[in-house]
């Protein structure tokens, strides 16, 4: 498939703070791919799209990426991953 298996980076950063979001450079490092590949995967539904934190700040929610990675590691097919990504995006829009 498209994804290679890499060891997951540790979630801890400076001062023991666990980040909730991942910016594009971190996402590229997580999967070992180019910027174009990240955007292509978002476009075809293999990764959830980023959220906007500010006018020029987009990031991915780590919990959503972990859900997709767990499905992929469990052997989910591309159509199953795309369905999961659609559900993730729909859950974002659901009222809390």
PDB file of N, CA and C in Angstrom:
ATOM      1  N   UNK A   1       0.848  -1.169   0.000  1.00  0.00           N
ATOM      2  CA  UNK A   1       0.000   0.000   0.000  1.00  0.00           C
ATOM      3  C   UNK A   1       0.888   1.224   0.000  1.00  0.00           C
ATOM      4  N   UNK A   2       0.380   2.357   0.363  1.00  0.00           N
ATOM      5  CA  UNK A   2       1.113   3.611   0.353  1.00  0.00           C
ATOM      6  C   UNK A   2       1.992   3.809   1.576  1.00  0.00           C
ATOM      7  N   UNK A   3       1.583   3.281   2.706  1.00  0.00           N
ATOM      8  CA  UNK A   3       2.229   3.605   3.966  1.00  0.00           C
ATOM      9  C   UNK A   3       3.308   2.601   4.319  1.00  0.00           C
ATOM     10  N   UNK A   4       4.390   3.117   4.854  1.00  0.00           N
ATOM     11  CA  UNK A   4       5.445   2.267   5.379  1.00  0.00           C
ATOM     12  C   UNK A   4       5.320   2.286   6.894  1.00  0.00           C
ATOM     13  N   UNK A   5       5.885   1.275   7.522  1.00  0.00           N
ATOM     14  CA  UNK A   5       5.827   1.215   8.969  1.00  0.00           C
ATOM     15  C   UNK A   5       7.097   1.822   9.541  1.00  0.00           C
ATOM     16  N   UNK A   6       6.940   2.844  10.341  1.00  0.00           N
ATOM     17  CA  UNK A   6       8.047   3.479  11.027  1.00  0.00           C
ATOM     18  C   UNK A   6       7.752   3.452  12.516  1.00  0.00           C
ATOM     19  N   UNK A   7       8.769   3.414  13.344  1.00  0.00           N
ATOM     20  CA  UNK A   7       8.481   3.506  14.780  1.00  0.00           C
ATOM     21  C   UNK A   7       7.845   4.853  15.083  1.00  0.00           C
ATOM     22  N   UNK A   8       6.825   4.849  15.914  1.00  0.00           N
ATOM     23  CA  UNK A   8       6.153   6.096  16.261  1.00  0.00           C
ATOM     24  C   UNK A   8       7.064   6.943  17.134  1.00  0.00           C
ATOM     25  N   UNK A   9       7.130   8.238  16.840  1.00  0.00           N
ATOM     26  CA  UNK A   9       7.912   9.104  17.719  1.00  0.00           C
ATOM     27  C   UNK A   9       7.235   9.207  19.078  1.00  0.00           C
ATOM     28  N   UNK A  10       8.026   9.487  20.086  1.00  0.00           N
ATOM     29  CA  UNK A  10       7.432   9.641  21.410  1.00  0.00           C
ATOM     30  C   UNK A  10       6.553  10.877  21.416  1.00  0.00           C
ATOM     31  N   UNK A  11       5.512  10.850  22.206  1.00  0.00           N
ATOM     32  CA  UNK A  11       4.563  11.945  22.251  1.00  0.00           C
ATOM     33  C   UNK A  11       5.013  13.068  23.179  1.00  0.00           C
ATOM     34  N   UNK A  12       6.051  12.830  23.972  1.00  0.00           N
ATOM     35  CA  UNK A  12       6.454  13.845  24.923  1.00  0.00           C
ATOM     36  C   UNK A  12       7.378  14.860  24.275  1.00  0.00           C
ATOM     37  N   UNK A  13       7.216  16.099  24.653  1.00  0.00           N
ATOM     38  CA  UNK A  13       8.078  17.174  24.178  1.00  0.00           C
ATOM     39  C   UNK A  13       8.735  17.815  25.388  1.00  0.00           C
ATOM     40  N   UNK A  14       9.195  19.019  25.235  1.00  0.00           N
ATOM     41  CA  UNK A  14       9.839  19.720  26.331  1.00  0.00           C
ATOM     42  C   UNK A  14       8.907  19.847  27.528  1.00  0.00           C
ATOM     43  N   UNK A  15       9.463  19.747  28.696  1.00  0.00           N
ATOM     44  CA  UNK A  15       8.747  19.909  29.956  1.00  0.00           C
ATOM     45  C   UNK A  15       7.682  18.839  30.170  1.00  0.00           C
ATOM     46  N   UNK A  16       7.751  17.716  29.478  1.00  0.00           N
ATOM     47  CA  UNK A  16       6.804  16.629  29.682  1.00  0.00           C
ATOM     48  C   UNK A  16       5.408  16.901  29.162  1.00  0.00           C
ATOM     49  N   UNK A  17       5.240  17.915  28.321  1.00  0.00           N
ATOM     50  CA  UNK A  17       3.924  18.253  27.775  1.00  0.00           C
ATOM     51  C   UNK A  17       3.624  17.328  26.604  1.00  0.00           C
ATOM     52  N   UNK A  18       2.461  16.724  26.610  1.00  0.00           N
ATOM     53  CA  UNK A  18       2.065  15.846  25.513  1.00  0.00           C
ATOM     54  C   UNK A  18       1.245  16.665  24.524  1.00  0.00           C
ATOM     55  N   UNK A  19       1.713  16.802  23.286  1.00  0.00           N
ATOM     56  CA  UNK A  19       0.984  17.628  22.317  1.00  0.00           C
ATOM     57  C   UNK A  19      -0.311  16.953  21.868  1.00  0.00           C
ATOM     58  N   UNK A  20      -1.300  17.762  21.540  1.00  0.00           N
ATOM     59  CA  UNK A  20      -2.569  17.258  21.027  1.00  0.00           C
ATOM     60  C   UNK A  20      -2.648  17.412  19.524  1.00  0.00           C
ATOM     61  N   UNK A  21      -1.767  18.249  18.970  1.00  0.00           N
ATOM     62  CA  UNK A  21      -1.804  18.558  17.548  1.00  0.00           C
ATOM     63  C   UNK A  21      -0.432  18.321  16.929  1.00  0.00           C
ATOM     64  N   UNK A  22      -0.433  18.141  15.621  1.00  0.00           N
ATOM     65  CA  UNK A  22       0.808  17.911  14.889  1.00  0.00           C
ATOM     66  C   UNK A  22       0.803  18.808  13.664  1.00  0.00           C
ATOM     67  N   UNK A  23       1.844  19.594  13.496  1.00  0.00           N
ATOM     68  CA  UNK A  23       1.961  20.457  12.335  1.00  0.00           C
ATOM     69  C   UNK A  23       2.537  19.646  11.171  1.00  0.00           C
ATOM     70  N   UNK A  24       2.569  20.244   9.980  1.00  0.00           N
ATOM     71  CA  UNK A  24       2.993  19.539   8.773  1.00  0.00           C
ATOM     72  C   UNK A  24       4.396  18.936   8.886  1.00  0.00           C
ATOM     73  N   UNK A  25       5.409  19.652   9.393  1.00  0.00           N
ATOM     74  CA  UNK A  25       6.734  19.013   9.492  1.00  0.00           C
ATOM     75  C   UNK A  25       6.729  17.761  10.368  1.00  0.00           C
ATOM     76  N   UNK A  26       5.966  17.808  11.458  1.00  0.00           N
ATOM     77  CA  UNK A  26       5.867  16.630  12.321  1.00  0.00           C
ATOM     78  C   UNK A  26       5.139  15.478  11.654  1.00  0.00           C
ATOM     79  N   UNK A  27       4.121  15.800  10.881  1.00  0.00           N
ATOM     80  CA  UNK A  27       3.372  14.768  10.157  1.00  0.00           C
ATOM     81  C   UNK A  27       4.245  14.119   9.088  1.00  0.00           C
ATOM     82  N   UNK A  28       5.009  14.938   8.387  1.00  0.00           N
ATOM     83  CA  UNK A  28       5.935  14.407   7.371  1.00  0.00           C
ATOM     84  C   UNK A  28       6.947  13.472   8.027  1.00  0.00           C
ATOM     85  N   UNK A  29       7.468  13.858   9.190  1.00  0.00           N
ATOM     86  CA  UNK A  29       8.434  13.017   9.899  1.00  0.00           C
ATOM     87  C   UNK A  29       7.778  11.730  10.404  1.00  0.00           C
ATOM     88  N   UNK A  30       6.548  11.829  10.847  1.00  0.00           N
ATOM     89  CA  UNK A  30       5.829  10.652  11.380  1.00  0.00           C
ATOM     90  C   UNK A  30       5.700   9.560  10.322  1.00  0.00           C
ATOM     91  N   UNK A  31       5.404   9.962   9.077  1.00  0.00           N
ATOM     92  CA  UNK A  31       5.200   8.981   8.011  1.00  0.00           C
ATOM     93  C   UNK A  31       6.374   8.863   7.058  1.00  0.00           C
ATOM     94  N   UNK A  32       7.340   9.761   7.145  1.00  0.00           N
ATOM     95  CA  UNK A  32       8.507   9.699   6.273  1.00  0.00           C
ATOM     96  C   UNK A  32       8.174   9.977   4.819  1.00  0.00           C
ATOM     97  N   UNK A  33       7.299  10.960   4.590  1.00  0.00           N
ATOM     98  CA  UNK A  33       6.862  11.276   3.230  1.00  0.00           C
ATOM     99  C   UNK A  33       7.019  12.770   2.966  1.00  0.00           C
ATOM    100  N   UNK A  34       6.816  13.161   1.713  1.00  0.00           N
ATOM    101  CA  UNK A  34       6.920  14.563   1.314  1.00  0.00           C
ATOM    102  C   UNK A  34       5.634  15.314   1.651  1.00  0.00           C
ATOM    103  N   UNK A  35       5.725  16.623   1.562  1.00  0.00           N
ATOM    104  CA  UNK A  35       4.568  17.486   1.783  1.00  0.00           C
ATOM    105  C   UNK A  35       3.473  17.184   0.763  1.00  0.00           C
ATOM    106  N   UNK A  36       3.865  16.972  -0.481  1.00  0.00           N
ATOM    107  CA  UNK A  36       2.887  16.677  -1.531  1.00  0.00           C
ATOM    108  C   UNK A  36       2.136  15.378  -1.231  1.00  0.00           C
ATOM    109  N   UNK A  37       2.841  14.389  -0.707  1.00  0.00           N
ATOM    110  CA  UNK A  37       2.197  13.114  -0.388  1.00  0.00           C
ATOM    111  C   UNK A  37       1.183  13.281   0.736  1.00  0.00           C
ATOM    112  N   UNK A  38       1.525  14.064   1.742  1.00  0.00           N
ATOM    113  CA  UNK A  38       0.586  14.313   2.844  1.00  0.00           C
ATOM    114  C   UNK A  38      -0.704  14.920   2.305  1.00  0.00           C
ATOM    115  N   UNK A  39      -0.573  15.950   1.473  1.00  0.00           N
ATOM    116  CA  UNK A  39      -1.774  16.607   0.930  1.00  0.00           C
ATOM    117  C   UNK A  39      -2.545  15.681  -0.009  1.00  0.00           C
ATOM    118  N   UNK A  40      -1.847  14.833  -0.745  1.00  0.00           N
ATOM    119  CA  UNK A  40      -2.523  13.873  -1.629  1.00  0.00           C
ATOM    120  C   UNK A  40      -3.320  12.882  -0.798  1.00  0.00           C
ATOM    121  N   UNK A  41      -2.733  12.359   0.286  1.00  0.00           N
ATOM    122  CA  UNK A  41      -3.445  11.419   1.153  1.00  0.00           C
ATOM    123  C   UNK A  41      -4.689  12.070   1.757  1.00  0.00           C
ATOM    124  N   UNK A  42      -4.579  13.358   2.122  1.00  0.00           N
ATOM    125  CA  UNK A  42      -5.764  14.063   2.646  1.00  0.00           C
ATOM    126  C   UNK A  42      -6.821  14.197   1.561  1.00  0.00           C
ATOM    127  N   UNK A  43      -6.386  14.500   0.363  1.00  0.00           N
ATOM    128  CA  UNK A  43      -7.323  14.704  -0.744  1.00  0.00           C
ATOM    129  C   UNK A  43      -8.075  13.422  -1.097  1.00  0.00           C
ATOM    130  N   UNK A  44      -7.383  12.286  -1.084  1.00  0.00           N
ATOM    131  CA  UNK A  44      -8.053  11.029  -1.461  1.00  0.00           C
ATOM    132  C   UNK A  44      -8.692  10.328  -0.270  1.00  0.00           C
ATOM    133  N   UNK A  45      -8.528  10.900   0.938  1.00  0.00           N
ATOM    134  CA  UNK A  45      -9.225  10.362   2.104  1.00  0.00           C
ATOM    135  C   UNK A  45      -8.474   9.336   2.913  1.00  0.00           C
ATOM    136  N   UNK A  46      -7.160   9.237   2.749  1.00  0.00           N
ATOM    137  CA  UNK A  46      -6.390   8.291   3.550  1.00  0.00           C
ATOM    138  C   UNK A  46      -5.871   8.901   4.845  1.00  0.00           C
ATOM    139  N   UNK A  47      -5.976  10.208   4.967  1.00  0.00           N
ATOM    140  CA  UNK A  47      -5.669  10.921   6.208  1.00  0.00           C
ATOM    141  C   UNK A  47      -6.770  11.957   6.429  1.00  0.00           C
ATOM    142  N   UNK A  48      -7.105  12.222   7.692  1.00  0.00           N
ATOM    143  CA  UNK A  48      -8.075  13.288   7.927  1.00  0.00           C
ATOM    144  C   UNK A  48      -7.458  14.633   7.553  1.00  0.00           C
ATOM    145  N   UNK A  49      -8.249  15.568   7.092  1.00  0.00           N
ATOM    146  CA  UNK A  49      -7.703  16.885   6.757  1.00  0.00           C
ATOM    147  C   UNK A  49      -7.318  17.634   8.030  1.00  0.00           C
ATOM    148  N   UNK A  50      -6.444  18.615   7.898  1.00  0.00           N
ATOM    149  CA  UNK A  50      -6.055  19.381   9.087  1.00  0.00           C
ATOM    150  C   UNK A  50      -7.175  20.305   9.539  1.00  0.00           C
ATOM    151  N   UNK A  51      -7.040  20.774  10.756  1.00  0.00           N
ATOM    152  CA  UNK A  51      -7.953  21.789  11.271  1.00  0.00           C
ATOM    153  C   UNK A  51      -7.204  23.121  11.294  1.00  0.00           C
ATOM    154  N   UNK A  52      -7.942  24.210  11.296  1.00  0.00           N
ATOM    155  CA  UNK A  52      -7.339  25.540  11.351  1.00  0.00           C
ATOM    156  C   UNK A  52      -7.345  26.022  12.803  1.00  0.00           C
ATOM    157  N   UNK A  53      -6.160  26.345  13.318  1.00  0.00           N
ATOM    158  CA  UNK A  53      -6.072  26.934  14.645  1.00  0.00           C
ATOM    159  C   UNK A  53      -6.039  28.454  14.570  1.00  0.00           C
ATOM    160  N   UNK A  54      -5.516  28.967  13.462  1.00  0.00           N
ATOM    161  CA  UNK A  54      -5.450  30.404  13.231  1.00  0.00           C
ATOM    162  C   UNK A  54      -5.425  30.618  11.723  1.00  0.00           C
ATOM    163  N   UNK A  55      -5.373  31.859  11.296  1.00  0.00           N
ATOM    164  CA  UNK A  55      -5.431  32.170   9.866  1.00  0.00           C
ATOM    165  C   UNK A  55      -4.361  31.428   9.061  1.00  0.00           C
ATOM    166  N   UNK A  56      -3.160  31.343   9.597  1.00  0.00           N
ATOM    167  CA  UNK A  56      -2.069  30.690   8.863  1.00  0.00           C
ATOM    168  C   UNK A  56      -1.519  29.479   9.603  1.00  0.00           C
ATOM    169  N   UNK A  57      -2.336  28.862  10.421  1.00  0.00           N
ATOM    170  CA  UNK A  57      -1.895  27.725  11.215  1.00  0.00           C
ATOM    171  C   UNK A  57      -2.861  26.555  11.049  1.00  0.00           C
ATOM    172  N   UNK A  58      -2.406  25.526  10.355  1.00  0.00           N
ATOM    173  CA  UNK A  58      -3.171  24.293  10.205  1.00  0.00           C
ATOM    174  C   UNK A  58      -2.434  23.181  10.928  1.00  0.00           C
ATOM    175  N   UNK A  59      -3.189  22.251  11.502  1.00  0.00           N
ATOM    176  CA  UNK A  59      -2.552  21.124  12.181  1.00  0.00           C
ATOM    177  C   UNK A  59      -3.507  19.937  12.182  1.00  0.00           C
ATOM    178  N   UNK A  60      -2.944  18.789  12.474  1.00  0.00           N
ATOM    179  CA  UNK A  60      -3.708  17.551  12.532  1.00  0.00           C
ATOM    180  C   UNK A  60      -3.892  17.175  13.998  1.00  0.00           C
ATOM    181  N   UNK A  61      -5.026  16.595  14.313  1.00  0.00           N
ATOM    182  CA  UNK A  61      -5.325  16.156  15.676  1.00  0.00           C
ATOM    183  C   UNK A  61      -4.680  14.782  15.870  1.00  0.00           C
ATOM    184  N   UNK A  62      -3.804  14.672  16.873  1.00  0.00           N
ATOM    185  CA  UNK A  62      -3.080  13.420  17.096  1.00  0.00           C
ATOM    186  C   UNK A  62      -4.014  12.243  17.361  1.00  0.00           C
ATOM    187  N   UNK A  63      -5.072  12.453  18.101  1.00  0.00           N
ATOM    188  CA  UNK A  63      -6.003  11.361  18.398  1.00  0.00           C
ATOM    189  C   UNK A  63      -6.623  10.809  17.117  1.00  0.00           C
ATOM    190  N   UNK A  64      -6.925  11.694  16.155  1.00  0.00           N
ATOM    191  CA  UNK A  64      -7.485  11.236  14.882  1.00  0.00           C
ATOM    192  C   UNK A  64      -6.456  10.453  14.086  1.00  0.00           C
ATOM    193  N   UNK A  65      -5.219  10.932  14.061  1.00  0.00           N
ATOM    194  CA  UNK A  65      -4.156  10.212  13.353  1.00  0.00           C
ATOM    195  C   UNK A  65      -3.921   8.851  13.987  1.00  0.00           C
ATOM    196  N   UNK A  66      -3.977   8.789  15.313  1.00  0.00           N
ATOM    197  CA  UNK A  66      -3.789   7.511  15.998  1.00  0.00           C
ATOM    198  C   UNK A  66      -4.891   6.519  15.632  1.00  0.00           C
ATOM    199  N   UNK A  67      -6.142   7.000  15.507  1.00  0.00           N
ATOM    200  CA  UNK A  67      -7.248   6.109  15.110  1.00  0.00           C
ATOM    201  C   UNK A  67      -7.011   5.529  13.721  1.00  0.00           C
ATOM    202  N   UNK A  68      -6.560   6.375  12.800  1.00  0.00           N
ATOM    203  CA  UNK A  68      -6.299   5.911  11.434  1.00  0.00           C
ATOM    204  C   UNK A  68      -5.128   4.932  11.430  1.00  0.00           C
ATOM    205  N   UNK A  69      -4.075   5.233  12.174  1.00  0.00           N
ATOM    206  CA  UNK A  69      -2.915   4.340  12.230  1.00  0.00           C
ATOM    207  C   UNK A  69      -3.270   2.992  12.838  1.00  0.00           C
ATOM    208  N   UNK A  70      -4.093   2.998  13.888  1.00  0.00           N
ATOM    209  CA  UNK A  70      -4.511   1.739  14.505  1.00  0.00           C
ATOM    210  C   UNK A  70      -5.313   0.894  13.521  1.00  0.00           C
ATOM    211  N   UNK A  71      -6.183   1.524  12.760  1.00  0.00           N
ATOM    212  CA  UNK A  71      -6.960   0.782  11.755  1.00  0.00           C
ATOM    213  C   UNK A  71      -6.030   0.206  10.695  1.00  0.00           C
ATOM    214  N   UNK A  72      -5.070   0.992  10.264  1.00  0.00           N
ATOM    215  CA  UNK A  72      -4.130   0.542   9.250  1.00  0.00           C
ATOM    216  C   UNK A  72      -3.300  -0.636   9.769  1.00  0.00           C
ATOM    217  N   UNK A  73      -2.838  -0.528  11.027  1.00  0.00           N
ATOM    218  CA  UNK A  73      -2.048  -1.600  11.623  1.00  0.00           C
ATOM    219  C   UNK A  73      -2.875  -2.868  11.821  1.00  0.00           C
ATOM    220  N   UNK A  74      -4.179  -2.708  11.978  1.00  0.00           N
ATOM    221  CA  UNK A  74      -5.068  -3.857  12.142  1.00  0.00           C
ATOM    222  C   UNK A  74      -5.412  -4.508  10.808  1.00  0.00           C
ATOM    223  N   UNK A  75      -4.908  -3.930   9.711  1.00  0.00           N
ATOM    224  CA  UNK A  75      -5.119  -4.542   8.405  1.00  0.00           C
ATOM    225  C   UNK A  75      -6.281  -3.977   7.618  1.00  0.00           C
ATOM    226  N   UNK A  76      -6.741  -2.792   7.967  1.00  0.00           N
ATOM    227  CA  UNK A  76      -7.861  -2.189   7.239  1.00  0.00           C
ATOM    228  C   UNK A  76      -7.460  -1.892   5.797  1.00  0.00           C
ATOM    229  N   UNK A  77      -8.408  -2.061   4.903  1.00  0.00           N
ATOM    230  CA  UNK A  77      -8.168  -1.776   3.487  1.00  0.00           C
ATOM    231  C   UNK A  77      -8.331  -0.276   3.242  1.00  0.00           C
ATOM    232  N   UNK A  78      -7.910   0.175   2.064  1.00  0.00           N
ATOM    233  CA  UNK A  78      -8.028   1.595   1.719  1.00  0.00           C
ATOM    234  C   UNK A  78      -9.483   2.082   1.801  1.00  0.00           C
ATOM    235  N   UNK A  79     -10.469   1.338   1.269  1.00  0.00           N
ATOM    236  CA  UNK A  79     -11.860   1.803   1.414  1.00  0.00           C
ATOM    237  C   UNK A  79     -12.313   1.880   2.873  1.00  0.00           C
ATOM    238  N   UNK A  80     -11.839   0.972   3.723  1.00  0.00           N
ATOM    239  CA  UNK A  80     -12.197   1.021   5.145  1.00  0.00           C
ATOM    240  C   UNK A  80     -11.571   2.236   5.823  1.00  0.00           C
ATOM    241  N   UNK A  81     -10.337   2.558   5.450  1.00  0.00           N
ATOM    242  CA  UNK A  81      -9.671   3.731   6.015  1.00  0.00           C
ATOM    243  C   UNK A  81     -10.376   5.004   5.558  1.00  0.00           C
ATOM    244  N   UNK A  82     -10.766   5.042   4.282  1.00  0.00           N
ATOM    245  CA  UNK A  82     -11.487   6.209   3.777  1.00  0.00           C
ATOM    246  C   UNK A  82     -12.813   6.390   4.515  1.00  0.00           C
ATOM    247  N   UNK A  83     -13.502   5.300   4.806  1.00  0.00           N
ATOM    248  CA  UNK A  83     -14.761   5.377   5.561  1.00  0.00           C
ATOM    249  C   UNK A  83     -14.502   5.880   6.985  1.00  0.00           C
ATOM    250  N   UNK A  84     -13.420   5.428   7.594  1.00  0.00           N
ATOM    251  CA  UNK A  84     -13.059   5.894   8.929  1.00  0.00           C
ATOM    252  C   UNK A  84     -12.757   7.388   8.918  1.00  0.00           C
ATOM    253  N   UNK A  85     -12.016   7.840   7.920  1.00  0.00           N
ATOM    254  CA  UNK A  85     -11.683   9.267   7.812  1.00  0.00           C
ATOM    255  C   UNK A  85     -12.960  10.092   7.648  1.00  0.00           C
ATOM    256  N   UNK A  86     -13.902   9.617   6.847  1.00  0.00           N
ATOM    257  CA  UNK A  86     -15.179  10.328   6.697  1.00  0.00           C
ATOM    258  C   UNK A  86     -15.912  10.417   8.024  1.00  0.00           C
ATOM    259  N   UNK A  87     -15.879   9.340   8.808  1.00  0.00           N
ATOM    260  CA  UNK A  87     -16.524   9.337  10.118  1.00  0.00           C
ATOM    261  C   UNK A  87     -15.831  10.313  11.059  1.00  0.00           C
ATOM    262  N   UNK A  88     -14.508  10.355  11.007  1.00  0.00           N
ATOM    263  CA  UNK A  88     -13.753  11.284  11.851  1.00  0.00           C
ATOM    264  C   UNK A  88     -14.145  12.732  11.533  1.00  0.00           C
ATOM    265  N   UNK A  89     -14.221  13.053  10.244  1.00  0.00           N
ATOM    266  CA  UNK A  89     -14.584  14.408   9.834  1.00  0.00           C
ATOM    267  C   UNK A  89     -16.029  14.725  10.239  1.00  0.00           C
ATOM    268  N   UNK A  90     -16.922  13.742  10.102  1.00  0.00           N
ATOM    269  CA  UNK A  90     -18.322  13.955  10.508  1.00  0.00           C
ATOM    270  C   UNK A  90     -18.421  14.167  12.023  1.00  0.00           C
ATOM    271  N   UNK A  91     -17.610  13.436  12.789  1.00  0.00           N
ATOM    272  CA  UNK A  91     -17.631  13.595  14.244  1.00  0.00           C
ATOM    273  C   UNK A  91     -17.143  14.975  14.667  1.00  0.00           C
ATOM    274  N   UNK A  92     -16.256  15.575  13.891  1.00  0.00           N
ATOM    275  CA  UNK A  92     -15.792  16.938  14.190  1.00  0.00           C
ATOM    276  C   UNK A  92     -16.962  17.923  14.128  1.00  0.00           C
ATOM    277  N   UNK A  93     -17.852  17.701  13.187  1.00  0.00           N
ATOM    278  CA  UNK A  93     -18.958  18.625  12.953  1.00  0.00           C
ATOM    279  C   UNK A  93     -20.152  18.375  13.865  1.00  0.00           C
ATOM    280  N   UNK A  94     -20.158  17.224  14.528  1.00  0.00           N
ATOM    281  CA  UNK A  94     -21.284  16.883  15.412  1.00  0.00           C
ATOM    282  C   UNK A  94     -21.272  17.807  16.632  1.00  0.00           C
ATOM    283  N   UNK A  95     -22.452  18.227  17.073  1.00  0.00           N
ATOM    284  CA  UNK A  95     -22.494  19.067  18.266  1.00  0.00           C
ATOM    285  C   UNK A  95     -22.009  18.311  19.490  1.00  0.00           C
ATOM    286  N   UNK A  96     -21.338  19.020  20.361  1.00  0.00           N
ATOM    287  CA  UNK A  96     -20.749  18.386  21.545  1.00  0.00           C
ATOM    288  C   UNK A  96     -21.750  18.076  22.620  1.00  0.00           C
TER     289      UNK A  96
END
